[in-house]
Amino acid sequence: MKAKIQNLIIESLKELNEELEIEALINPNENTKLYGINGVLDSLALVTLITDLEEKISEEFGKDITLADEKAMSQRISPFRSVETLTNYIAKLLEEEKNE
């Protein structure tokens, strides 16, 4: 499941880069820094990425999750820091959805 999530994130980043033309997003990978220290996205680009991902996750997994909520913002380490941290956070949310 994590590989599928990571692919969705990378696909979304590539689509976002078609608009933004950020060199670091030409070939994003799990280590790509997204937001915060050394991150390549500003807050507007992050919001765009989040909405795109929520839509893709809904289509791919049939689950409606919210990525930018109190839970995400209260994390000691931001889930939006890198592709890897975002992948892990989404996987955790999907797992929690499944168990409810």
PDB file of N, CA and C in Angstrom:
ATOM      1  N   MET A   1       0.824  -1.193   0.000  1.00  0.00           N
ATOM      2  CA  MET A   1       0.000   0.000   0.000  1.00  0.00           C
ATOM      3  C   MET A   1       0.872   1.262   0.000  1.00  0.00           C
ATOM      4  N   LYS A   2       1.986   1.225   0.763  1.00  0.00           N
ATOM      5  CA  LYS A   2       2.838   2.421   0.823  1.00  0.00           C
ATOM      6  C   LYS A   2       3.406   2.780  -0.548  1.00  0.00           C
ATOM      7  N   ALA A   3       3.757   1.779  -1.339  1.00  0.00           N
ATOM      8  CA  ALA A   3       4.298   2.056  -2.678  1.00  0.00           C
ATOM      9  C   ALA A   3       3.248   2.758  -3.535  1.00  0.00           C
ATOM     10  N   LYS A   4       2.000   2.333  -3.411  1.00  0.00           N
ATOM     11  CA  LYS A   4       0.912   2.946  -4.174  1.00  0.00           C
ATOM     12  C   LYS A   4       0.701   4.395  -3.735  1.00  0.00           C
ATOM     13  N   ILE A   5       0.758   4.620  -2.422  1.00  0.00           N
ATOM     14  CA  ILE A   5       0.599   5.978  -1.887  1.00  0.00           C
ATOM     15  C   ILE A   5       1.741   6.858  -2.371  1.00  0.00           C
ATOM     16  N   GLN A   6       2.955   6.341  -2.266  1.00  0.00           N
ATOM     17  CA  GLN A   6       4.125   7.117  -2.698  1.00  0.00           C
ATOM     18  C   GLN A   6       4.027   7.464  -4.177  1.00  0.00           C
ATOM     19  N   ASN A   7       3.561   6.540  -4.986  1.00  0.00           N
ATOM     20  CA  ASN A   7       3.390   6.809  -6.419  1.00  0.00           C
ATOM     21  C   ASN A   7       2.355   7.917  -6.652  1.00  0.00           C
ATOM     22  N   LEU A   8       1.282   7.920  -5.856  1.00  0.00           N
ATOM     23  CA  LEU A   8       0.278   8.982  -5.983  1.00  0.00           C
ATOM     24  C   LEU A   8       0.877  10.345  -5.635  1.00  0.00           C
ATOM     25  N   ILE A   9       1.695  10.379  -4.595  1.00  0.00           N
ATOM     26  CA  ILE A   9       2.330  11.636  -4.192  1.00  0.00           C
ATOM     27  C   ILE A   9       3.272  12.115  -5.286  1.00  0.00           C
ATOM     28  N   ILE A  10       4.103  11.226  -5.789  1.00  0.00           N
ATOM     29  CA  ILE A  10       5.069  11.594  -6.833  1.00  0.00           C
ATOM     30  C   ILE A  10       4.353  12.052  -8.094  1.00  0.00           C
ATOM     31  N   GLU A  11       3.298  11.346  -8.464  1.00  0.00           N
ATOM     32  CA  GLU A  11       2.496  11.740  -9.631  1.00  0.00           C
ATOM     33  C   GLU A  11       1.901  13.141  -9.432  1.00  0.00           C
ATOM     34  N   SER A  12       1.392  13.393  -8.237  1.00  0.00           N
ATOM     35  CA  SER A  12       0.818  14.715  -7.936  1.00  0.00           C
ATOM     36  C   SER A  12       1.881  15.801  -7.981  1.00  0.00           C
ATOM     37  N   LEU A  13       3.073  15.502  -7.476  1.00  0.00           N
ATOM     38  CA  LEU A  13       4.163  16.474  -7.507  1.00  0.00           C
ATOM     39  C   LEU A  13       4.580  16.796  -8.936  1.00  0.00           C
ATOM     40  N   LYS A  14       4.625  15.783  -9.781  1.00  0.00           N
ATOM     41  CA  LYS A  14       4.990  16.012 -11.184  1.00  0.00           C
ATOM     42  C   LYS A  14       3.937  16.886 -11.877  1.00  0.00           C
ATOM     43  N   GLU A  15       2.666  16.622 -11.578  1.00  0.00           N
ATOM     44  CA  GLU A  15       1.592  17.437 -12.155  1.00  0.00           C
ATOM     45  C   GLU A  15       1.676  18.876 -11.642  1.00  0.00           C
ATOM     46  N   LEU A  16       1.945  19.028 -10.361  1.00  0.00           N
ATOM     47  CA  LEU A  16       2.081  20.357  -9.774  1.00  0.00           C
ATOM     48  C   LEU A  16       3.265  21.092 -10.397  1.00  0.00           C
ATOM     49  N   ASN A  17       4.321  20.367 -10.671  1.00  0.00           N
ATOM     50  CA  ASN A  17       5.516  20.969 -11.247  1.00  0.00           C
ATOM     51  C   ASN A  17       5.293  21.468 -12.674  1.00  0.00           C
ATOM     52  N   GLU A  18       4.316  20.901 -13.371  1.00  0.00           N
ATOM     53  CA  GLU A  18       3.994  21.403 -14.714  1.00  0.00           C
ATOM     54  C   GLU A  18       3.569  22.871 -14.643  1.00  0.00           C
ATOM     55  N   GLU A  19       2.962  23.259 -13.518  1.00  0.00           N
ATOM     56  CA  GLU A  19       2.554  24.650 -13.318  1.00  0.00           C
ATOM     57  C   GLU A  19       3.681  25.488 -12.713  1.00  0.00           C
ATOM     58  N   LEU A  20       4.378  24.920 -11.725  1.00  0.00           N
ATOM     59  CA  LEU A  20       5.325  25.696 -10.933  1.00  0.00           C
ATOM     60  C   LEU A  20       6.747  25.733 -11.493  1.00  0.00           C
ATOM     61  N   GLU A  21       7.118  24.698 -12.216  1.00  0.00           N
ATOM     62  CA  GLU A  21       8.455  24.582 -12.787  1.00  0.00           C
ATOM     63  C   GLU A  21       9.549  24.744 -11.728  1.00  0.00           C
ATOM     64  N   ILE A  22       9.503  23.875 -10.721  1.00  0.00           N
ATOM     65  CA  ILE A  22      10.511  23.847  -9.665  1.00  0.00           C
ATOM     66  C   ILE A  22      11.492  22.727  -9.988  1.00  0.00           C
ATOM     67  N   GLU A  23      12.744  23.073 -10.123  1.00  0.00           N
ATOM     68  CA  GLU A  23      13.751  22.106 -10.545  1.00  0.00           C
ATOM     69  C   GLU A  23      13.777  20.858  -9.655  1.00  0.00           C
ATOM     70  N   ALA A  24      13.603  21.021  -8.356  1.00  0.00           N
ATOM     71  CA  ALA A  24      13.653  19.897  -7.420  1.00  0.00           C
ATOM     72  C   ALA A  24      12.496  18.917  -7.608  1.00  0.00           C
ATOM     73  N   LEU A  25      11.459  19.333  -8.337  1.00  0.00           N
ATOM     74  CA  LEU A  25      10.300  18.460  -8.548  1.00  0.00           C
ATOM     75  C   LEU A  25      10.292  17.791  -9.917  1.00  0.00           C
ATOM     76  N   ILE A  26      11.373  17.932 -10.664  1.00  0.00           N
ATOM     77  CA  ILE A  26      11.424  17.290 -11.980  1.00  0.00           C
ATOM     78  C   ILE A  26      11.384  15.766 -11.820  1.00  0.00           C
ATOM     79  N   ASN A  27      12.165  15.245 -10.896  1.00  0.00           N
ATOM     80  CA  ASN A  27      12.186  13.809 -10.601  1.00  0.00           C
ATOM     81  C   ASN A  27      12.066  13.593  -9.099  1.00  0.00           C
ATOM     82  N   PRO A  28      10.883  13.828  -8.529  1.00  0.00           N
ATOM     83  CA  PRO A  28      10.733  13.667  -7.085  1.00  0.00           C
ATOM     84  C   PRO A  28      10.885  12.210  -6.667  1.00  0.00           C
ATOM     85  N   ASN A  29      11.366  11.999  -5.442  1.00  0.00           N
ATOM     86  CA  ASN A  29      11.477  10.653  -4.882  1.00  0.00           C
ATOM     87  C   ASN A  29      11.129  10.720  -3.405  1.00  0.00           C
ATOM     88  N   GLU A  30      11.290   9.613  -2.693  1.00  0.00           N
ATOM     89  CA  GLU A  30      10.861   9.574  -1.291  1.00  0.00           C
ATOM     90  C   GLU A  30      11.614  10.568  -0.404  1.00  0.00           C
ATOM     91  N   ASN A  31      12.791  10.991  -0.812  1.00  0.00           N
ATOM     92  CA  ASN A  31      13.587  11.926  -0.017  1.00  0.00           C
ATOM     93  C   ASN A  31      13.330  13.393  -0.360  1.00  0.00           C
ATOM     94  N   THR A  32      12.490  13.659  -1.347  1.00  0.00           N
ATOM     95  CA  THR A  32      12.210  15.034  -1.743  1.00  0.00           C
ATOM     96  C   THR A  32      11.581  15.793  -0.575  1.00  0.00           C
ATOM     97  N   LYS A  33      12.205  16.907  -0.220  1.00  0.00           N
ATOM     98  CA  LYS A  33      11.697  17.765   0.857  1.00  0.00           C
ATOM     99  C   LYS A  33      10.539  18.591   0.306  1.00  0.00           C
ATOM    100  N   LEU A  34       9.414  18.564   1.006  1.00  0.00           N
ATOM    101  CA  LEU A  34       8.225  19.247   0.514  1.00  0.00           C
ATOM    102  C   LEU A  34       8.019  20.616   1.153  1.00  0.00           C
ATOM    103  N   TYR A  35       7.922  20.640   2.475  1.00  0.00           N
ATOM    104  CA  TYR A  35       7.541  21.871   3.149  1.00  0.00           C
ATOM    105  C   TYR A  35       8.350  22.014   4.435  1.00  0.00           C
ATOM    106  N   GLY A  36       8.667  23.227   4.779  1.00  0.00           N
ATOM    107  CA  GLY A  36       9.454  23.473   5.984  1.00  0.00           C
ATOM    108  C   GLY A  36      10.905  23.712   5.608  1.00  0.00           C
ATOM    109  N   ILE A  37      11.808  23.333   6.493  1.00  0.00           N
ATOM    110  CA  ILE A  37      13.239  23.548   6.260  1.00  0.00           C
ATOM    111  C   ILE A  37      13.667  22.824   4.986  1.00  0.00           C
ATOM    112  N   ASN A  38      14.246  23.571   4.064  1.00  0.00           N
ATOM    113  CA  ASN A  38      14.704  23.057   2.764  1.00  0.00           C
ATOM    114  C   ASN A  38      13.579  22.541   1.875  1.00  0.00           C
ATOM    115  N   GLY A  39      12.329  22.789   2.240  1.00  0.00           N
ATOM    116  CA  GLY A  39      11.203  22.347   1.426  1.00  0.00           C
ATOM    117  C   GLY A  39      11.077  23.171   0.151  1.00  0.00           C
ATOM    118  N   VAL A  40      10.559  22.545  -0.899  1.00  0.00           N
ATOM    119  CA  VAL A  40      10.465  23.210  -2.199  1.00  0.00           C
ATOM    120  C   VAL A  40       9.091  23.849  -2.450  1.00  0.00           C
ATOM    121  N   LEU A  41       8.122  23.574  -1.567  1.00  0.00           N
ATOM    122  CA  LEU A  41       6.774  24.115  -1.766  1.00  0.00           C
ATOM    123  C   LEU A  41       6.492  25.276  -0.827  1.00  0.00           C
ATOM    124  N   ASP A  42       5.819  26.294  -1.352  1.00  0.00           N
ATOM    125  CA  ASP A  42       5.317  27.336  -0.464  1.00  0.00           C
ATOM    126  C   ASP A  42       3.937  26.888   0.025  1.00  0.00           C
ATOM    127  N   SER A  43       3.308  27.685   0.885  1.00  0.00           N
ATOM    128  CA  SER A  43       2.046  27.249   1.487  1.00  0.00           C
ATOM    129  C   SER A  43       0.934  27.050   0.458  1.00  0.00           C
ATOM    130  N   LEU A  44       0.887  27.876  -0.562  1.00  0.00           N
ATOM    131  CA  LEU A  44      -0.140  27.728  -1.594  1.00  0.00           C
ATOM    132  C   LEU A  44       0.062  26.434  -2.395  1.00  0.00           C
ATOM    133  N   ALA A  45       1.296  26.141  -2.744  1.00  0.00           N
ATOM    134  CA  ALA A  45       1.592  24.904  -3.473  1.00  0.00           C
ATOM    135  C   ALA A  45       1.288  23.681  -2.604  1.00  0.00           C
ATOM    136  N   LEU A  46       1.547  23.791  -1.305  1.00  0.00           N
ATOM    137  CA  LEU A  46       1.243  22.681  -0.392  1.00  0.00           C
ATOM    138  C   LEU A  46      -0.257  22.423  -0.351  1.00  0.00           C
ATOM    139  N   VAL A  47      -1.052  23.476  -0.271  1.00  0.00           N
ATOM    140  CA  VAL A  47      -2.510  23.327  -0.256  1.00  0.00           C
ATOM    141  C   VAL A  47      -2.992  22.661  -1.546  1.00  0.00           C
ATOM    142  N   THR A  48      -2.421  23.067  -2.669  1.00  0.00           N
ATOM    143  CA  THR A  48      -2.780  22.466  -3.959  1.00  0.00           C
ATOM    144  C   THR A  48      -2.439  20.978  -3.959  1.00  0.00           C
ATOM    145  N   LEU A  49      -1.248  20.642  -3.479  1.00  0.00           N
ATOM    146  CA  LEU A  49      -0.839  19.237  -3.401  1.00  0.00           C
ATOM    147  C   LEU A  49      -1.793  18.444  -2.519  1.00  0.00           C
ATOM    148  N   ILE A  50      -2.137  18.988  -1.376  1.00  0.00           N
ATOM    149  CA  ILE A  50      -3.018  18.291  -0.432  1.00  0.00           C
ATOM    150  C   ILE A  50      -4.383  18.016  -1.052  1.00  0.00           C
ATOM    151  N   THR A  51      -4.968  19.008  -1.705  1.00  0.00           N
ATOM    152  CA  THR A  51      -6.292  18.794  -2.307  1.00  0.00           C
ATOM    153  C   THR A  51      -6.217  17.774  -3.437  1.00  0.00           C
ATOM    154  N   ASP A  52      -5.154  17.815  -4.237  1.00  0.00           N
ATOM    155  CA  ASP A  52      -4.978  16.824  -5.302  1.00  0.00           C
ATOM    156  C   ASP A  52      -4.856  15.421  -4.716  1.00  0.00           C
ATOM    157  N   LEU A  53      -4.069  15.305  -3.660  1.00  0.00           N
ATOM    158  CA  LEU A  53      -3.865  13.991  -3.042  1.00  0.00           C
ATOM    159  C   LEU A  53      -5.140  13.449  -2.412  1.00  0.00           C
ATOM    160  N   GLU A  54      -5.888  14.299  -1.741  1.00  0.00           N
ATOM    161  CA  GLU A  54      -7.141  13.840  -1.136  1.00  0.00           C
ATOM    162  C   GLU A  54      -8.077  13.277  -2.196  1.00  0.00           C
ATOM    163  N   GLU A  55      -8.125  13.929  -3.340  1.00  0.00           N
ATOM    164  CA  GLU A  55      -8.965  13.462  -4.439  1.00  0.00           C
ATOM    165  C   GLU A  55      -8.459  12.123  -4.989  1.00  0.00           C
ATOM    166  N   LYS A  56      -7.152  12.024  -5.213  1.00  0.00           N
ATOM    167  CA  LYS A  56      -6.577  10.780  -5.754  1.00  0.00           C
ATOM    168  C   LYS A  56      -6.724   9.612  -4.783  1.00  0.00           C
ATOM    169  N   ILE A  57      -6.573   9.878  -3.503  1.00  0.00           N
ATOM    170  CA  ILE A  57      -6.713   8.821  -2.500  1.00  0.00           C
ATOM    171  C   ILE A  57      -8.159   8.333  -2.468  1.00  0.00           C
ATOM    172  N   SER A  58      -9.084   9.253  -2.565  1.00  0.00           N
ATOM    173  CA  SER A  58     -10.493   8.886  -2.601  1.00  0.00           C
ATOM    174  C   SER A  58     -10.784   7.981  -3.803  1.00  0.00           C
ATOM    175  N   GLU A  59     -10.248   8.349  -4.960  1.00  0.00           N
ATOM    176  CA  GLU A  59     -10.455   7.556  -6.174  1.00  0.00           C
ATOM    177  C   GLU A  59      -9.767   6.194  -6.087  1.00  0.00           C
ATOM    178  N   GLU A  60      -8.538   6.176  -5.594  1.00  0.00           N
ATOM    179  CA  GLU A  60      -7.737   4.952  -5.580  1.00  0.00           C
ATOM    180  C   GLU A  60      -8.159   3.969  -4.489  1.00  0.00           C
ATOM    181  N   PHE A  61      -8.449   4.490  -3.286  1.00  0.00           N
ATOM    182  CA  PHE A  61      -8.725   3.624  -2.143  1.00  0.00           C
ATOM    183  C   PHE A  61     -10.181   3.630  -1.700  1.00  0.00           C
ATOM    184  N   GLY A  62     -10.995   4.513  -2.284  1.00  0.00           N
ATOM    185  CA  GLY A  62     -12.402   4.589  -1.893  1.00  0.00           C
ATOM    186  C   GLY A  62     -12.585   5.123  -0.484  1.00  0.00           C
ATOM    187  N   LYS A  63     -11.618   5.885  -0.001  1.00  0.00           N
ATOM    188  CA  LYS A  63     -11.673   6.453   1.354  1.00  0.00           C
ATOM    189  C   LYS A  63     -11.521   7.962   1.265  1.00  0.00           C
ATOM    190  N   ASP A  64     -12.347   8.667   2.000  1.00  0.00           N
ATOM    191  CA  ASP A  64     -12.238  10.129   2.077  1.00  0.00           C
ATOM    192  C   ASP A  64     -11.483  10.484   3.347  1.00  0.00           C
ATOM    193  N   ILE A  65     -10.266  10.979   3.184  1.00  0.00           N
ATOM    194  CA  ILE A  65      -9.474  11.395   4.337  1.00  0.00           C
ATOM    195  C   ILE A  65      -9.151  12.882   4.211  1.00  0.00           C
ATOM    196  N   THR A  66      -8.894  13.498   5.347  1.00  0.00           N
ATOM    197  CA  THR A  66      -8.494  14.896   5.388  1.00  0.00           C
ATOM    198  C   THR A  66      -7.044  14.948   5.837  1.00  0.00           C
ATOM    199  N   LEU A  67      -6.208  15.500   4.984  1.00  0.00           N
ATOM    200  CA  LEU A  67      -4.777  15.537   5.289  1.00  0.00           C
ATOM    201  C   LEU A  67      -4.379  16.728   6.147  1.00  0.00           C
ATOM    202  N   ALA A  68      -5.002  17.861   5.930  1.00  0.00           N
ATOM    203  CA  ALA A  68      -4.628  19.073   6.676  1.00  0.00           C
ATOM    204  C   ALA A  68      -5.685  19.373   7.724  1.00  0.00           C
ATOM    205  N   ASP A  69      -5.548  18.736   8.866  1.00  0.00           N
ATOM    206  CA  ASP A  69      -6.477  18.978   9.966  1.00  0.00           C
ATOM    207  C   ASP A  69      -5.681  19.156  11.251  1.00  0.00           C
ATOM    208  N   GLU A  70      -6.380  19.262  12.350  1.00  0.00           N
ATOM    209  CA  GLU A  70      -5.737  19.471  13.652  1.00  0.00           C
ATOM    210  C   GLU A  70      -4.734  18.364  13.962  1.00  0.00           C
ATOM    211  N   LYS A  71      -5.083  17.146  13.593  1.00  0.00           N
ATOM    212  CA  LYS A  71      -4.201  16.006  13.843  1.00  0.00           C
ATOM    213  C   LYS A  71      -2.859  16.182  13.119  1.00  0.00           C
ATOM    214  N   ALA A  72      -2.922  16.585  11.869  1.00  0.00           N
ATOM    215  CA  ALA A  72      -1.695  16.779  11.089  1.00  0.00           C
ATOM    216  C   ALA A  72      -0.882  17.940  11.630  1.00  0.00           C
ATOM    217  N   MET A  73      -1.558  19.016  11.976  1.00  0.00           N
ATOM    218  CA  MET A  73      -0.860  20.219  12.416  1.00  0.00           C
ATOM    219  C   MET A  73      -0.262  20.079  13.809  1.00  0.00           C
ATOM    220  N   SER A  74      -0.773  19.135  14.595  1.00  0.00           N
ATOM    221  CA  SER A  74      -0.274  18.973  15.954  1.00  0.00           C
ATOM    222  C   SER A  74       0.858  17.954  16.061  1.00  0.00           C
ATOM    223  N   GLN A  75       1.235  17.347  14.953  1.00  0.00           N
ATOM    224  CA  GLN A  75       2.326  16.366  14.960  1.00  0.00           C
ATOM    225  C   GLN A  75       3.641  17.058  15.315  1.00  0.00           C
ATOM    226  N   ARG A  76       4.450  16.394  16.107  1.00  0.00           N
ATOM    227  CA  ARG A  76       5.753  16.956  16.473  1.00  0.00           C
ATOM    228  C   ARG A  76       6.618  17.106  15.234  1.00  0.00           C
ATOM    229  N   ILE A  77       6.591  16.100  14.381  1.00  0.00           N
ATOM    230  CA  ILE A  77       7.298  16.163  13.097  1.00  0.00           C
ATOM    231  C   ILE A  77       6.229  16.263  12.016  1.00  0.00           C
ATOM    232  N   SER A  78       6.270  17.329  11.242  1.00  0.00           N
ATOM    233  CA  SER A  78       5.239  17.579  10.235  1.00  0.00           C
ATOM    234  C   SER A  78       5.170  16.443   9.222  1.00  0.00           C
ATOM    235  N   PRO A  79       3.957  15.957   8.925  1.00  0.00           N
ATOM    236  CA  PRO A  79       3.816  14.929   7.892  1.00  0.00           C
ATOM    237  C   PRO A  79       4.086  15.476   6.487  1.00  0.00           C
ATOM    238  N   PHE A  80       4.174  16.790   6.375  1.00  0.00           N
ATOM    239  CA  PHE A  80       4.388  17.421   5.074  1.00  0.00           C
ATOM    240  C   PHE A  80       5.858  17.752   4.806  1.00  0.00           C
ATOM    241  N   ARG A  81       6.738  17.249   5.632  1.00  0.00           N
ATOM    242  CA  ARG A  81       8.158  17.565   5.512  1.00  0.00           C
ATOM    243  C   ARG A  81       8.798  16.958   4.266  1.00  0.00           C
ATOM    244  N   SER A  82       8.425  15.716   3.936  1.00  0.00           N
ATOM    245  CA  SER A  82       9.017  15.041   2.773  1.00  0.00           C
ATOM    246  C   SER A  82       8.011  14.060   2.188  1.00  0.00           C
ATOM    247  N   VAL A  83       8.357  13.538   1.035  1.00  0.00           N
ATOM    248  CA  VAL A  83       7.502  12.515   0.407  1.00  0.00           C
ATOM    249  C   VAL A  83       7.377  11.320   1.349  1.00  0.00           C
ATOM    250  N   GLU A  84       8.468  10.935   1.976  1.00  0.00           N
ATOM    251  CA  GLU A  84       8.452   9.778   2.876  1.00  0.00           C
ATOM    252  C   GLU A  84       7.546  10.001   4.087  1.00  0.00           C
ATOM    253  N   THR A  85       7.647  11.169   4.744  1.00  0.00           N
ATOM    254  CA  THR A  85       6.808  11.417   5.918  1.00  0.00           C
ATOM    255  C   THR A  85       5.328  11.519   5.519  1.00  0.00           C
ATOM    256  N   LEU A  86       5.057  12.076   4.355  1.00  0.00           N
ATOM    257  CA  LEU A  86       3.678  12.175   3.892  1.00  0.00           C
ATOM    258  C   LEU A  86       3.130  10.795   3.529  1.00  0.00           C
ATOM    259  N   THR A  87       3.934   9.965   2.912  1.00  0.00           N
ATOM    260  CA  THR A  87       3.531   8.591   2.594  1.00  0.00           C
ATOM    261  C   THR A  87       3.144   7.851   3.877  1.00  0.00           C
ATOM    262  N   ASN A  88       3.993   7.931   4.880  1.00  0.00           N
ATOM    263  CA  ASN A  88       3.734   7.239   6.152  1.00  0.00           C
ATOM    264  C   ASN A  88       2.476   7.766   6.834  1.00  0.00           C
ATOM    265  N   TYR A  89       2.283   9.078   6.779  1.00  0.00           N
ATOM    266  CA  TYR A  89       1.109   9.679   7.406  1.00  0.00           C
ATOM    267  C   TYR A  89      -0.182   9.228   6.707  1.00  0.00           C
ATOM    268  N   ILE A  90      -0.186   9.231   5.390  1.00  0.00           N
ATOM    269  CA  ILE A  90      -1.375   8.801   4.640  1.00  0.00           C
ATOM    270  C   ILE A  90      -1.662   7.330   4.903  1.00  0.00           C
ATOM    271  N   ALA A  91      -0.618   6.503   4.925  1.00  0.00           N
ATOM    272  CA  ALA A  91      -0.800   5.072   5.201  1.00  0.00           C
ATOM    273  C   ALA A  91      -1.427   4.878   6.584  1.00  0.00           C
ATOM    274  N   LYS A  92      -0.977   5.651   7.551  1.00  0.00           N
ATOM    275  CA  LYS A  92      -1.517   5.584   8.912  1.00  0.00           C
ATOM    276  C   LYS A  92      -2.993   5.986   8.922  1.00  0.00           C
ATOM    277  N   LEU A  93      -3.332   7.068   8.222  1.00  0.00           N
ATOM    278  CA  LEU A  93      -4.732   7.507   8.160  1.00  0.00           C
ATOM    279  C   LEU A  93      -5.622   6.460   7.506  1.00  0.00           C
ATOM    280  N   LEU A  94      -5.138   5.868   6.428  1.00  0.00           N
ATOM    281  CA  LEU A  94      -5.928   4.839   5.738  1.00  0.00           C
ATOM    282  C   LEU A  94      -6.116   3.604   6.627  1.00  0.00           C
ATOM    283  N   GLU A  95      -5.081   3.253   7.376  1.00  0.00           N
ATOM    284  CA  GLU A  95      -5.163   2.119   8.291  1.00  0.00           C
ATOM    285  C   GLU A  95      -6.180   2.397   9.395  1.00  0.00           C
ATOM    286  N   GLU A  96      -6.181   3.618   9.923  1.00  0.00           N
ATOM    287  CA  GLU A  96      -7.154   3.996  10.950  1.00  0.00           C
ATOM    288  C   GLU A  96      -8.568   3.957  10.387  1.00  0.00           C
ATOM    289  N   GLU A  97      -8.747   4.413   9.142  1.00  0.00           N
ATOM    290  CA  GLU A  97     -10.059   4.378   8.489  1.00  0.00           C
ATOM    291  C   GLU A  97     -10.563   2.938   8.388  1.00  0.00           C
ATOM    292  N   LYS A  98      -9.641   2.044   8.021  1.00  0.00           N
ATOM    293  CA  LYS A  98     -10.001   0.640   7.833  1.00  0.00           C
ATOM    294  C   LYS A  98     -10.449   0.005   9.152  1.00  0.00           C
ATOM    295  N   ASN A  99      -9.865   0.441  10.249  1.00  0.00           N
ATOM    296  CA  ASN A  99     -10.155  -0.158  11.550  1.00  0.00           C
ATOM    297  C   ASN A  99     -11.382   0.427  12.242  1.00  0.00           C
ATOM    298  N   GLU A 100     -11.942   1.474  11.659  1.00  0.00           N
ATOM    299  CA  GLU A 100     -13.123   2.092  12.279  1.00  0.00           C
ATOM    300  C   GLU A 100     -14.395   1.374  11.895  1.00  0.00           C
TER     301      GLU A 100
END
